Amino acid sequence: MIYFTADTHFFHAELLGNNDFAPRPFKDVATMNATIIANWNQRVQADDQVYLLGDVAMVPNKPSAFAEVAAVLEQLNGQLIIIKGNHDNRAFLKYLAKHDAGLSAGKAHYQFADVGELIKINHHQYFLTHYPLLLGKVQQTFNLHGHIHHYMLPIAENINVGIDAPERELLPERVPFGTPLAANEIEIIFERKQAALANPNHD
């Protein structure tokens, strides 16, 4: 299976608490990190792939901090395909590539893309980026992105897959915090977002 998420922001203490930008009502980053790991692994299996669309963690630019984040990421099931976000410095991503524990077992735990990826699922094109794109008039094409946290663009084809994203509230059943989204959930979000934008006054 293929899943999508963004803006995990492991170790980002400044996001803790109730706020409009990225509400994370946890007592500390250890609790937040553990919650994301548990909910991620509840869904993702070892052979799955997860596109993580940037802003993996907030860490100082030093190897000891990189190792601490790597220890968290190694607990996440699946292969992580990381699209570089604005808070992901290249030294950190190079550290992950160099210390990829999965290589010893013959399968890398990480893949990397500096800007984005284009993939096809169920006759749809998915542009996978950290920053939202302005696609113009499109058919069967989605831009999955992160970056804007608890904000949603008024364009149905732009779908925020971040763990703080309001699009998650469009799903019939709410997924636990930190859970990556499946392709069928992306399609449900698109249909409901499109309907909501067409009827903004409809409750």
Protein backbone atom coordinates (compact mmCIF):
# COMPACT_ATOMS: atom_id res chain seq x y z
CA MET A 1 0.00 0.00 0.00
CA ILE A 2 0.96 3.62 -0.56
CA TYR A 3 0.25 6.32 2.02
CA PHE A 4 0.73 10.06 2.29
CA THR A 5 1.48 12.47 5.10
CA ALA A 6 3.40 15.67 5.87
CA ASP A 7 4.57 18.00 8.62
CA THR A 8 5.28 15.47 11.34
CA HIS A 9 7.53 18.08 13.02
CA PHE A 10 8.97 15.60 15.50
CA PHE A 11 10.56 17.36 18.52
CA HIS A 12 8.95 20.72 17.68
CA ALA A 13 8.07 21.98 21.17
CA GLU A 14 6.79 25.35 19.92
CA LEU A 15 3.79 23.64 18.30
CA LEU A 16 2.54 22.10 21.55
CA GLY A 17 -0.82 23.29 22.87
CA ASN A 18 -4.00 24.57 21.27
CA ASN A 19 -3.29 27.11 18.56
CA ASP A 20 -4.76 28.05 15.20
CA PHE A 21 -1.70 27.14 13.13
CA ALA A 22 -0.92 23.59 14.25
CA PRO A 23 -2.98 22.44 17.25
CA ARG A 24 -1.05 19.76 19.13
CA PRO A 25 -2.44 19.38 22.64
CA PHE A 26 0.31 17.21 24.08
CA LYS A 27 2.12 17.77 27.38
CA ASP A 28 5.57 17.33 25.81
CA VAL A 29 7.30 16.34 22.57
CA ALA A 30 7.98 12.81 23.83
CA THR A 31 4.23 12.20 24.13
CA MET A 32 3.60 13.77 20.72
CA ASN A 33 6.33 11.70 19.07
CA ALA A 34 5.08 8.47 20.67
CA THR A 35 1.50 9.18 19.59
CA ILE A 36 2.50 9.75 15.98
CA ILE A 37 4.61 6.57 15.96
CA ALA A 38 1.83 4.44 17.47
CA ASN A 39 -0.90 5.74 15.15
CA TRP A 40 1.36 5.49 12.10
CA ASN A 41 2.26 1.86 12.86
CA GLN A 42 -1.36 0.96 13.58
CA ARG A 43 -1.99 1.43 9.86
CA VAL A 44 1.29 1.14 7.96
CA GLN A 45 2.86 -2.28 7.48
CA ALA A 46 6.52 -3.11 6.91
CA ASP A 47 6.18 -3.51 3.12
CA ASP A 48 4.18 -0.30 2.58
CA GLN A 49 5.50 2.99 1.25
CA VAL A 50 4.79 6.35 2.88
CA TYR A 51 5.37 9.63 1.08
CA LEU A 52 6.37 12.09 3.81
CA LEU A 53 5.98 15.49 2.20
CA GLY A 54 8.44 17.52 4.20
CA ASP A 55 9.11 19.04 7.60
CA VAL A 56 10.07 15.78 9.23
CA ALA A 57 11.43 17.28 12.45
CA MET A 58 12.76 20.40 14.15
CA VAL A 59 16.34 19.69 15.13
CA PRO A 60 19.54 21.68 15.63
CA ASN A 61 22.09 21.26 12.85
CA LYS A 62 24.34 18.79 14.65
CA PRO A 63 24.90 15.01 14.43
CA SER A 64 23.68 14.25 17.96
CA ALA A 65 20.27 15.78 17.15
CA PHE A 66 20.19 13.98 13.80
CA ALA A 67 20.76 10.67 15.59
CA GLU A 68 17.90 11.38 17.98
CA VAL A 69 15.49 11.97 15.10
CA ALA A 70 16.79 8.96 13.19
CA ALA A 71 16.01 6.79 16.24
CA VAL A 72 12.38 7.97 16.01
CA LEU A 73 12.12 7.49 12.25
CA GLU A 74 13.53 3.97 12.50
CA GLN A 75 10.48 3.04 14.58
CA LEU A 76 8.09 3.94 11.75
CA ASN A 77 6.83 1.06 9.63
CA GLY A 78 7.22 1.12 5.87
CA GLN A 79 9.66 2.76 3.50
CA LEU A 80 9.72 6.55 3.88
CA ILE A 81 9.95 8.58 0.68
CA ILE A 82 10.85 12.02 1.97
CA ILE A 83 10.14 15.17 -0.05
CA LYS A 84 12.32 17.97 1.30
CA GLY A 85 10.44 20.61 3.29
CA ASN A 86 11.54 24.07 4.35
CA HIS A 87 12.59 22.75 7.79
CA ASP A 88 14.57 19.80 6.39
CA ASN A 89 18.19 20.76 5.89
CA ARG A 90 20.30 18.76 3.48
CA ALA A 91 22.82 17.79 6.16
CA PHE A 92 20.02 16.03 8.07
CA LEU A 93 18.78 14.18 4.97
CA LYS A 94 22.34 13.16 4.09
CA TYR A 95 22.73 11.84 7.64
CA LEU A 96 19.61 9.68 7.23
CA ALA A 97 20.86 8.32 3.91
CA LYS A 98 24.27 7.48 5.39
CA HIS A 99 22.84 5.85 8.53
CA ASP A 100 19.95 3.97 6.89
CA ALA A 101 19.53 0.86 9.04
CA GLY A 102 17.42 -0.79 6.35
CA LEU A 103 20.36 -1.07 3.96
CA SER A 104 21.84 -3.93 5.98
CA ALA A 105 18.66 -5.90 5.33
CA GLY A 106 18.75 -5.13 1.61
CA LYS A 107 15.95 -2.56 1.54
CA ALA A 108 16.50 1.12 2.21
CA HIS A 109 14.23 2.64 4.85
CA TYR A 110 14.49 6.01 3.10
CA GLN A 111 14.26 7.51 -0.36
CA PHE A 112 14.57 11.23 -1.03
CA ALA A 113 13.31 13.83 -3.48
CA ASP A 114 14.52 17.41 -3.33
CA VAL A 115 11.44 19.08 -4.85
CA GLY A 116 8.66 16.60 -5.50
CA GLU A 117 7.39 13.45 -7.19
CA LEU A 118 4.73 12.62 -9.77
CA ILE A 119 2.99 9.26 -9.42
CA LYS A 120 -0.17 7.67 -10.81
CA ILE A 121 -2.77 5.82 -8.72
CA ASN A 122 -6.27 4.72 -9.82
CA HIS A 123 -6.11 6.76 -13.05
CA HIS A 124 -5.19 9.92 -11.12
CA GLN A 125 -1.96 11.87 -11.23
CA TYR A 126 -0.56 12.90 -7.88
CA PHE A 127 1.89 15.79 -7.73
CA LEU A 128 3.59 15.33 -4.36
CA THR A 129 5.23 18.48 -3.00
CA HIS A 130 5.86 20.18 0.31
CA TYR A 131 4.54 23.56 -0.79
CA PRO A 132 1.08 23.71 -2.42
CA LEU A 133 1.11 24.22 -6.19
CA LEU A 134 -1.17 26.33 -8.36
CA LEU A 135 -2.22 23.70 -10.89
CA GLY A 136 -4.68 25.70 -12.98
CA LYS A 137 -7.46 23.80 -14.72
CA VAL A 138 -6.83 20.06 -14.40
CA GLN A 139 -8.63 16.74 -14.65
CA GLN A 140 -7.80 13.60 -12.70
CA THR A 141 -4.88 15.43 -11.10
CA PHE A 142 -4.27 16.22 -7.43
CA ASN A 143 -1.57 18.17 -5.68
CA LEU A 144 -0.87 16.55 -2.33
CA HIS A 145 1.12 18.88 -0.11
CA GLY A 146 1.82 20.02 3.42
CA HIS A 147 3.38 23.24 4.75
CA ILE A 148 0.22 25.18 5.66
CA HIS A 149 -0.72 23.01 8.66
CA HIS A 150 -4.27 23.75 9.88
CA TYR A 151 -5.21 25.71 6.77
CA MET A 152 -6.92 24.53 3.60
CA LEU A 153 -6.68 26.04 0.13
CA PRO A 154 -10.07 26.77 -1.52
CA ILE A 155 -9.18 24.48 -4.43
CA ALA A 156 -10.50 20.91 -4.40
CA GLU A 157 -7.48 19.48 -6.23
CA ASN A 158 -5.05 20.86 -3.66
CA ILE A 159 -5.20 18.47 -0.73
CA ASN A 160 -3.24 19.12 2.45
CA VAL A 161 -2.13 15.73 3.80
CA GLY A 162 -0.30 17.13 6.81
CA ILE A 163 -1.08 15.63 10.18
CA ASP A 164 -2.64 18.93 11.27
CA ALA A 165 -4.66 19.38 8.06
CA PRO A 166 -8.37 20.34 8.22
CA GLU A 167 -9.02 18.12 5.19
CA ARG A 168 -8.85 15.15 7.54
CA GLU A 169 -12.10 16.37 9.10
CA LEU A 170 -13.85 15.69 5.76
CA LEU A 171 -13.42 11.93 6.18
CA PRO A 172 -16.52 10.02 7.38
CA GLU A 173 -14.47 8.54 10.22
CA ARG A 174 -11.73 10.63 11.78
CA VAL A 175 -8.30 9.02 11.64
CA PRO A 176 -6.07 9.22 14.72
CA PHE A 177 -3.48 12.01 14.87
CA GLY A 178 -0.39 11.21 12.84
CA THR A 179 -2.00 8.49 10.71
CA PRO A 180 -0.87 8.60 7.06
CA LEU A 181 -3.69 8.76 4.49
CA ALA A 182 -4.48 6.12 1.87
CA ALA A 183 -5.34 6.85 -1.78
CA ASN A 184 -9.03 6.00 -1.28
CA GLU A 185 -9.18 8.57 1.54
CA ILE A 186 -7.61 11.18 -0.75
CA GLU A 187 -10.41 10.57 -3.25
CA ILE A 188 -13.07 10.90 -0.54
CA ILE A 189 -11.50 14.14 0.66
CA PHE A 190 -11.46 15.48 -2.90
CA GLU A 191 -15.13 14.67 -3.51
CA ARG A 192 -16.25 16.18 -0.20
CA LYS A 193 -14.05 19.22 -0.55
CA GLN A 194 -15.33 19.80 -4.09
CA ALA A 195 -18.93 19.56 -2.86
CA ALA A 196 -18.26 21.90 0.07
CA LEU A 197 -16.66 24.50 -2.18
CA ALA A 198 -19.57 24.31 -4.61
CA ASN A 199 -22.09 24.82 -1.77
CA PRO A 200 -20.30 27.01 0.81
CA ASN A 201 -23.51 27.79 2.74
CA HIS A 202 -24.63 24.18 2.96
CA ASP A 203 -24.42 22.65 6.46
